[in-house]
N, C-alpha and C. Protein backbone atom coordinates (compact mmCIF):
# COMPACT_ATOMS: atom_id res chain seq x y z
N MET A 1 1.18 -1.25 0.49
CA MET A 1 -0.28 -0.31 0.38
C MET A 1 0.92 1.39 -0.21
N ALA A 2 0.74 1.91 -0.93
CA ALA A 2 1.05 3.42 -1.13
C ALA A 2 1.19 4.04 0.29
N LEU A 3 2.00 5.14 0.83
CA LEU A 3 2.08 6.07 1.85
C LEU A 3 0.82 6.59 1.46
N GLY A 4 0.45 7.16 1.17
CA GLY A 4 -0.39 8.30 0.27
C GLY A 4 -1.56 7.02 0.93
N LEU A 5 -2.00 6.50 0.31
CA LEU A 5 -3.30 5.97 1.17
C LEU A 5 -3.05 5.26 2.62
N LEU A 6 -2.02 4.64 2.78
CA LEU A 6 -1.39 4.54 4.37
C LEU A 6 -2.74 5.93 5.74
N ALA A 7 -1.36 6.70 4.79
CA ALA A 7 -2.72 8.22 5.22
C ALA A 7 -3.82 8.21 4.96
N SER A 8 -4.51 8.43 4.04
CA SER A 8 -5.82 8.09 4.15
C SER A 8 -6.49 7.00 4.60
N LEU A 9 -6.41 6.52 5.07
CA LEU A 9 -7.14 5.13 5.92
C LEU A 9 -7.25 6.41 6.73
N LEU A 10 -5.13 7.10 7.55
CA LEU A 10 -5.94 7.43 9.49
C LEU A 10 -7.28 7.96 9.40
N PRO A 11 -8.01 8.62 8.78
CA PRO A 11 -9.88 9.11 9.25
C PRO A 11 -10.70 7.87 10.12
N LEU A 12 -10.73 6.30 9.60
CA LEU A 12 -11.75 5.72 9.19
C LEU A 12 -10.83 5.62 11.26
N ALA A 13 -9.46 5.76 11.76
CA ALA A 13 -9.72 5.48 12.68
C ALA A 13 -10.85 6.47 13.90
N ASP A 14 -10.43 7.77 13.13
CA ASP A 14 -11.74 8.66 14.08
C ASP A 14 -13.01 8.18 14.07
N CYS A 15 -13.73 7.54 13.05
CA CYS A 15 -14.28 6.80 12.85
C CYS A 15 -15.22 6.15 13.94
N GLY A 16 -14.03 5.38 14.55
CA GLY A 16 -14.52 4.47 15.83
C GLY A 16 -13.45 3.08 15.26
N ALA A 17 -12.94 2.65 13.96
CA ALA A 17 -13.05 2.03 13.89
C ALA A 17 -10.49 1.74 14.18
N THR A 18 -10.81 0.21 14.40
CA THR A 18 -8.89 -0.45 15.10
C THR A 18 -8.74 -0.73 13.50
N LEU A 19 -7.33 -0.48 14.06
CA LEU A 19 -6.96 -0.02 12.51
C LEU A 19 -5.93 -1.42 12.96
N ILE A 20 -5.37 -2.32 12.38
CA ILE A 20 -4.71 -3.41 12.65
C ILE A 20 -3.41 -3.92 11.41
N SER A 21 -2.21 -3.72 11.36
CA SER A 21 -0.99 -4.30 9.74
C SER A 21 -0.55 -5.36 10.66
N LEU A 22 -0.77 -5.76 9.70
CA LEU A 22 -0.10 -7.29 9.24
C LEU A 22 0.59 -7.57 9.19
N GLN A 23 1.47 -5.89 8.47
CA GLN A 23 2.20 -5.82 7.44
C GLN A 23 3.82 -6.38 7.94
N ASN A 24 3.96 -7.63 6.84
CA ASN A 24 6.09 -8.45 7.54
C ASN A 24 6.80 -7.22 7.29
N ASP A 25 6.90 -7.08 5.94
CA ASP A 25 7.55 -6.60 5.25
C ASP A 25 7.55 -4.94 5.05
N VAL A 26 7.42 -3.96 5.78
CA VAL A 26 7.54 -2.57 6.22
C VAL A 26 8.57 -2.33 5.38
N ARG A 27 7.80 -1.05 4.47
CA ARG A 27 9.12 0.07 3.79
C ARG A 27 9.15 0.71 5.11
N GLU A 28 10.02 1.73 4.97
CA GLU A 28 10.32 2.40 5.85
C GLU A 28 9.61 3.63 5.61
N SER A 29 9.80 4.43 4.31
CA SER A 29 7.97 4.87 4.51
C SER A 29 7.06 4.47 4.77
N ASP A 30 6.42 3.81 5.45
CA ASP A 30 4.87 2.83 5.81
C ASP A 30 5.45 2.84 7.09
N ARG A 31 6.86 2.65 7.51
CA ARG A 31 6.57 2.26 9.39
C ARG A 31 7.61 3.53 9.77
N ALA A 32 7.07 5.02 8.76
CA ALA A 32 7.30 6.01 10.23
C ALA A 32 5.97 6.31 10.06
N VAL A 33 4.67 6.50 9.11
CA VAL A 33 3.44 6.65 9.37
C VAL A 33 3.63 6.07 10.62
N LEU A 34 3.23 4.20 10.73
CA LEU A 34 3.05 3.51 11.24
C LEU A 34 3.20 4.04 12.63
N GLU A 35 5.00 3.90 12.89
CA GLU A 35 5.29 4.53 13.67
C GLU A 35 5.05 5.99 14.81
N ALA A 36 4.28 6.16 14.03
CA ALA A 36 3.45 7.89 14.29
C ALA A 36 2.46 8.02 14.51
N THR A 37 2.14 6.77 14.28
CA THR A 37 -0.01 6.25 14.12
C THR A 37 0.19 5.58 15.39
N PRO A 38 0.18 5.87 16.58
CA PRO A 38 -0.48 4.75 17.14
C PRO A 38 -1.99 4.11 16.79
N ARG A 39 -2.80 4.66 16.51
CA ARG A 39 -3.93 4.48 16.15
C ARG A 39 -4.31 3.30 15.82
N ILE A 40 -2.76 2.80 14.81
CA ILE A 40 -2.93 1.36 14.16
C ILE A 40 -2.46 0.65 14.98
N ALA A 41 -3.02 -0.33 15.34
CA ALA A 41 -2.35 -1.82 16.03
C ALA A 41 -2.16 -2.72 14.67
N ARG A 42 -0.29 -3.25 15.67
CA ARG A 42 0.97 -3.45 14.44
C ARG A 42 0.75 -4.86 15.29
N LEU A 43 0.27 -5.84 14.83
CA LEU A 43 0.52 -7.52 15.37
C LEU A 43 1.74 -7.82 15.05
N ALA A 44 1.99 -8.71 15.84
CA ALA A 44 3.63 -9.26 15.76
C ALA A 44 4.25 -9.78 14.55
N GLU A 45 5.51 -9.41 14.77
CA GLU A 45 6.33 -9.97 12.89
C GLU A 45 7.70 -10.30 13.32
N PRO A 46 8.45 -10.80 12.65
CA PRO A 46 7.99 -11.41 11.36
C PRO A 46 6.96 -12.50 11.11
N PHE A 47 6.40 -13.02 10.62
CA PHE A 47 5.78 -14.53 9.56
C PHE A 47 6.39 -15.23 9.53
N ARG A 48 7.21 -16.07 10.24
CA ARG A 48 8.28 -17.06 9.32
C ARG A 48 7.55 -18.03 9.48
N ASP A 49 6.96 -18.56 9.99
CA ASP A 49 6.01 -19.45 9.44
C ASP A 49 4.35 -20.14 10.35
N PHE A 50 4.20 -20.98 9.83
CA PHE A 50 2.04 -21.07 10.06
C PHE A 50 2.08 -21.26 11.80
N ALA A 51 3.60 -21.07 12.75
CA ALA A 51 2.76 -20.95 14.10
C ALA A 51 3.01 -19.36 14.82
N ASP A 52 3.47 -18.35 13.61
CA ASP A 52 4.05 -17.70 13.97
C ASP A 52 2.58 -16.40 13.34
N THR A 53 2.20 -16.86 12.17
CA THR A 53 0.28 -17.03 11.66
C THR A 53 -0.13 -17.18 12.51
N ALA A 54 -0.36 -18.52 13.07
CA ALA A 54 -1.14 -19.04 14.29
C ALA A 54 -1.38 -18.39 15.40
N ALA A 55 -0.13 -17.52 16.04
CA ALA A 55 -0.23 -16.21 17.49
C ALA A 55 -0.65 -15.41 16.98
N VAL A 56 -0.97 -14.29 15.67
CA VAL A 56 -1.15 -13.95 15.61
C VAL A 56 -2.99 -13.93 15.12
N VAL A 57 -3.11 -15.12 14.13
CA VAL A 57 -4.22 -15.26 14.16
C VAL A 57 -5.42 -15.52 15.42
N ALA A 58 -4.72 -15.45 17.05
CA ALA A 58 -5.34 -15.93 18.44
C ALA A 58 -5.03 -14.46 18.63
N GLN A 59 -3.50 -13.07 18.12
CA GLN A 59 -4.23 -11.95 18.93
C GLN A 59 -5.20 -11.80 18.41
N LEU A 60 -5.85 -11.60 16.56
CA LEU A 60 -6.42 -10.87 16.21
C LEU A 60 -7.67 -11.44 16.21
N THR A 61 -8.25 -12.40 16.94
CA THR A 61 -9.92 -13.14 16.73
C THR A 61 -9.88 -12.47 18.35
N ALA A 62 -8.56 -11.89 19.12
CA ALA A 62 -9.20 -11.58 21.20
C ALA A 62 -9.02 -10.42 20.26
N THR A 63 -8.76 -9.70 19.79
CA THR A 63 -9.10 -8.56 19.40
C THR A 63 -10.66 -7.96 18.45
N LEU A 64 -10.99 -8.57 17.57
CA LEU A 64 -11.72 -9.15 16.73
C LEU A 64 -13.44 -9.14 18.10
N ARG A 65 -12.97 -9.62 19.02
CA ARG A 65 -14.47 -10.39 19.78
C ARG A 65 -15.07 -9.28 20.98
N SER A 66 -12.82 -8.47 21.23
CA SER A 66 -13.34 -7.00 22.09
C SER A 66 -13.40 -5.86 21.46
N ALA A 67 -13.60 -6.14 20.36
CA ALA A 67 -13.78 -4.66 19.58
C ALA A 67 -14.96 -3.58 19.78
N GLY A 68 -15.80 -4.86 19.52
CA GLY A 68 -17.27 -4.21 19.37
C GLY A 68 -17.64 -3.00 18.05
N LYS A 69 -16.46 -2.82 17.34
CA LYS A 69 -16.54 -2.14 16.47
C LYS A 69 -16.09 -2.31 15.13
N PRO A 70 -15.88 -1.50 13.65
CA PRO A 70 -15.53 -2.21 12.71
C PRO A 70 -13.71 -2.43 12.59
N VAL A 71 -13.36 -3.32 12.46
CA VAL A 71 -11.98 -3.61 11.96
C VAL A 71 -11.35 -3.11 10.53
N LEU A 72 -9.98 -3.10 10.34
CA LEU A 72 -9.88 -2.91 8.88
C LEU A 72 -7.82 -3.40 9.32
N LEU A 73 -7.95 -4.69 8.26
CA LEU A 73 -6.97 -5.39 8.28
C LEU A 73 -5.64 -4.62 7.82
N TYR A 74 -4.35 -4.02 7.49
CA TYR A 74 -4.08 -3.36 6.77
C TYR A 74 -2.88 -3.87 6.24
N CYS A 75 -2.81 -4.92 5.12
CA CYS A 75 -2.20 -5.81 4.16
C CYS A 75 -1.60 -5.21 2.72
N ARG A 76 -0.13 -5.18 2.85
CA ARG A 76 0.29 -3.66 1.93
C ARG A 76 -0.13 -5.38 0.27
N SER A 77 -0.70 -6.20 0.21
CA SER A 77 -1.19 -7.23 -0.79
C SER A 77 -2.20 -7.04 -0.22
N GLY A 78 -3.08 -7.46 1.18
CA GLY A 78 -4.36 -7.86 0.34
C GLY A 78 -4.52 -9.71 1.02
N ASN A 79 -3.60 -10.25 0.83
CA ASN A 79 -2.88 -11.77 1.10
C ASN A 79 -2.74 -12.06 2.01
N ARG A 80 -2.03 -11.52 3.52
CA ARG A 80 -2.09 -11.40 4.43
C ARG A 80 -3.47 -11.61 5.67
N ALA A 81 -4.18 -10.56 5.24
CA ALA A 81 -5.70 -9.95 5.39
C ALA A 81 -6.71 -10.78 5.47
N VAL A 82 -6.98 -11.39 4.10
CA VAL A 82 -7.71 -12.80 3.62
C VAL A 82 -7.39 -13.70 4.12
N ARG A 83 -5.71 -14.11 4.23
CA ARG A 83 -5.81 -15.31 5.21
C ARG A 83 -6.44 -15.33 6.69
N THR A 84 -5.73 -14.53 6.95
CA THR A 84 -5.45 -14.05 8.68
C THR A 84 -7.19 -14.40 8.51
N TYR A 85 -8.01 -13.49 8.14
CA TYR A 85 -9.83 -13.85 8.40
C TYR A 85 -10.48 -14.98 7.78
N ALA A 86 -9.32 -15.69 7.12
CA ALA A 86 -10.22 -17.20 7.04
C ALA A 86 -10.27 -17.96 8.71
N LEU A 87 -8.73 -17.64 8.79
CA LEU A 87 -8.36 -18.18 9.71
C LEU A 87 -9.38 -17.74 11.15
N VAL A 88 -9.83 -16.68 10.79
CA VAL A 88 -10.32 -16.49 12.66
C VAL A 88 -11.68 -16.66 12.36
N LEU A 89 -12.61 -16.66 10.37
CA LEU A 89 -13.65 -16.96 10.49
C LEU A 89 -13.54 -19.17 10.78
N ALA A 90 -12.60 -19.56 10.63
CA ALA A 90 -13.10 -21.38 11.78
C ALA A 90 -12.68 -20.60 12.25
N SER A 91 -12.33 -20.01 13.13
CA SER A 91 -12.24 -20.28 14.45
C SER A 91 -13.70 -19.64 15.34
N ASP A 92 -13.69 -19.04 14.56
CA ASP A 92 -15.56 -18.47 14.85
C ASP A 92 -16.54 -19.27 15.51
N PRO A 93 -16.99 -19.75 16.61
CA PRO A 93 -18.26 -20.49 16.95
C PRO A 93 -19.29 -20.29 16.11
N GLY A 94 -19.62 -19.75 15.84
CA GLY A 94 -20.86 -18.81 15.07
C GLY A 94 -20.10 -18.42 13.19
N GLY A 95 -19.29 -18.39 12.83
CA GLY A 95 -18.56 -18.46 11.92
C GLY A 95 -18.70 -19.68 11.19
N PRO A 96 -19.42 -18.83 9.28
CA PRO A 96 -18.99 -19.48 8.26
C PRO A 96 -18.50 -20.71 8.47
N GLN A 97 -19.46 -22.59 7.35
CA GLN A 97 -18.36 -23.55 6.61
C GLN A 97 -17.32 -23.57 5.54
N LEU A 98 -16.69 -24.47 5.85
CA LEU A 98 -15.64 -24.35 4.78
C LEU A 98 -15.55 -23.71 4.12
N ALA A 99 -16.41 -23.90 3.53
CA ALA A 99 -17.04 -23.28 1.30
C ALA A 99 -17.05 -22.02 0.81
N GLU A 100 -18.13 -21.65 2.40
CA GLU A 100 -18.59 -19.60 2.38
C GLU A 100 -16.94 -19.76 2.71
N ILE A 101 -16.14 -19.86 4.14
CA ILE A 101 -14.69 -19.11 3.92
C ILE A 101 -14.02 -19.70 2.68
N LEU A 102 -13.58 -19.96 2.11
CA LEU A 102 -13.32 -20.79 0.35
C LEU A 102 -13.91 -19.32 -0.65
N ALA A 103 -14.91 -19.33 -0.72
CA ALA A 103 -15.55 -18.70 -1.41
C ALA A 103 -15.62 -17.18 -1.53
N LEU A 104 -15.09 -16.85 -0.10
CA LEU A 104 -15.22 -15.49 0.01
C LEU A 104 -13.71 -15.03 0.45
N ALA A 105 -12.44 -16.26 -0.20
CA ALA A 105 -11.40 -15.91 0.64
C ALA A 105 -11.70 -15.41 -1.68
N ARG A 106 -11.73 -16.44 -2.14
CA ARG A 106 -11.52 -16.78 -4.01
C ARG A 106 -12.53 -14.90 -4.45
N GLY A 107 -13.28 -14.95 -3.78
CA GLY A 107 -14.08 -12.85 -4.13
C GLY A 107 -13.00 -12.13 -4.19
N THR A 108 -12.33 -11.98 -3.10
CA THR A 108 -11.58 -11.25 -2.53
C THR A 108 -10.00 -10.69 -3.80
N GLY A 109 -9.99 -11.93 -4.63
CA GLY A 109 -8.86 -12.06 -5.46
C GLY A 109 -7.54 -13.06 -5.50
N HIS A 110 -7.52 -13.94 -3.73
CA HIS A 110 -7.08 -14.73 -2.91
C HIS A 110 -7.41 -15.76 -2.59
N GLY A 111 -6.70 -16.59 -2.71
CA GLY A 111 -6.95 -17.74 -2.36
C GLY A 111 -6.29 -18.74 -1.57
N VAL A 112 -6.77 -19.50 -0.86
CA VAL A 112 -6.56 -20.22 1.25
C VAL A 112 -6.60 -21.69 1.21
N GLU A 113 -7.04 -22.13 -0.56
CA GLU A 113 -6.39 -23.08 -0.61
C GLU A 113 -5.79 -24.76 -0.01
N ASP A 114 -4.21 -23.34 0.24
CA ASP A 114 -3.15 -24.11 1.33
C ASP A 114 -3.87 -24.09 2.48
N LEU A 115 -4.23 -23.85 2.97
CA LEU A 115 -5.25 -22.94 4.37
C LEU A 115 -6.22 -24.44 4.70
N ARG A 116 -6.33 -25.24 4.06
CA ARG A 116 -7.63 -26.31 4.07
C ARG A 116 -6.81 -26.40 5.32
N GLY A 117 -6.95 -27.87 5.25
CA GLY A 117 -6.18 -28.22 6.40
C GLY A 117 -6.34 -27.87 7.44
N ALA A 118 -6.04 -26.97 7.28
CA ALA A 118 -6.06 -25.93 9.04
C ALA A 118 -6.87 -25.08 9.43
N LEU A 119 -7.87 -25.06 7.75
CA LEU A 119 -9.19 -24.59 8.16
C LEU A 119 -10.29 -25.26 8.76
N GLU A 120 -9.92 -26.83 8.34
CA GLU A 120 -10.39 -27.86 8.79
C GLU A 120 -11.29 -28.56 10.04
N GLN A 121 -9.36 -28.21 10.61
CA GLN A 121 -9.32 -28.34 11.98
C GLN A 121 -9.97 -27.44 12.42
N ARG A 122 -9.96 -25.91 12.32
CA ARG A 122 -10.53 -24.58 13.30
C ARG A 122 -12.09 -24.96 13.67
N ILE A 123 -12.49 -25.16 12.02
CA ILE A 123 -13.64 -25.48 12.23
C ILE A 123 -14.49 -26.50 13.18
N ALA A 124 -13.26 -27.85 12.88
CA ALA A 124 -13.83 -28.73 13.92
C ALA A 124 -13.64 -28.74 15.47
N ALA A 125 -12.67 -27.94 15.40
CA ALA A 125 -12.54 -27.69 16.94
C ALA A 125 -13.21 -26.55 17.82
N ARG A 126 -14.45 -25.87 16.88
CA ARG A 126 -15.14 -24.87 17.80
C ARG A 126 -16.17 -25.42 18.41
N PRO A 127 -15.85 -24.39 19.63
CA PRO A 127 -17.02 -24.95 20.61
C PRO A 127 -18.34 -24.54 19.93
N ALA A 128 -19.24 -25.17 20.74
CA ALA A 128 -21.23 -25.74 20.24
C ALA A 128 -21.34 -24.17 20.20
N ALA A 129 -22.21 -23.40 19.59
CA ALA A 129 -22.38 -22.54 20.20
C ALA A 129 -23.84 -22.36 20.65
N THR A 130 -23.68 -21.50 21.61
CA THR A 130 -24.82 -21.75 22.73
C THR A 130 -26.23 -20.87 22.70
N GLY A 131 -27.23 -20.91 22.84
CA GLY A 131 -28.99 -20.49 22.39
C GLY A 131 -28.80 -20.57 20.89
N ALA A 132 -28.96 -21.48 20.76
CA ALA A 132 -29.04 -22.53 19.61
C ALA A 132 -31.13 -22.83 19.25
N VAL A 133 -30.89 -22.71 18.08
CA VAL A 133 -32.62 -23.59 18.17
C VAL A 133 -32.69 -24.21 17.77
N PRO A 134 -32.70 -25.82 17.38
CA PRO A 134 -32.20 -27.56 16.89
C PRO A 134 -33.61 -26.92 15.76
């Protein structure tokens, strides 16, 4: 994401949005904006392997559950944001099933087929939804 575009997203924070950066390889120009802007939460970096990604997904899940307001994932390409969101959806007790998660990701132009196993495991491990009507 170009510096101008990143800076143009900052007013969203004034509207009550939580801005979260998942950028792994931050350009120096973007780093300056991120460091000067505490309104953008930066989650752990770098993402070296699936364990790092899983840890960030856990942080993001907690952030999304506690935010109570809109959340914007900042990722220059969008790929990590889509992948992380797919894992968060798969972990959500009321979240969609695998086919819908895959379709949502494809709709963004980013596939998550390589995460199919991890998505299936998260969906299988979901706690039972409470208050469900039979």
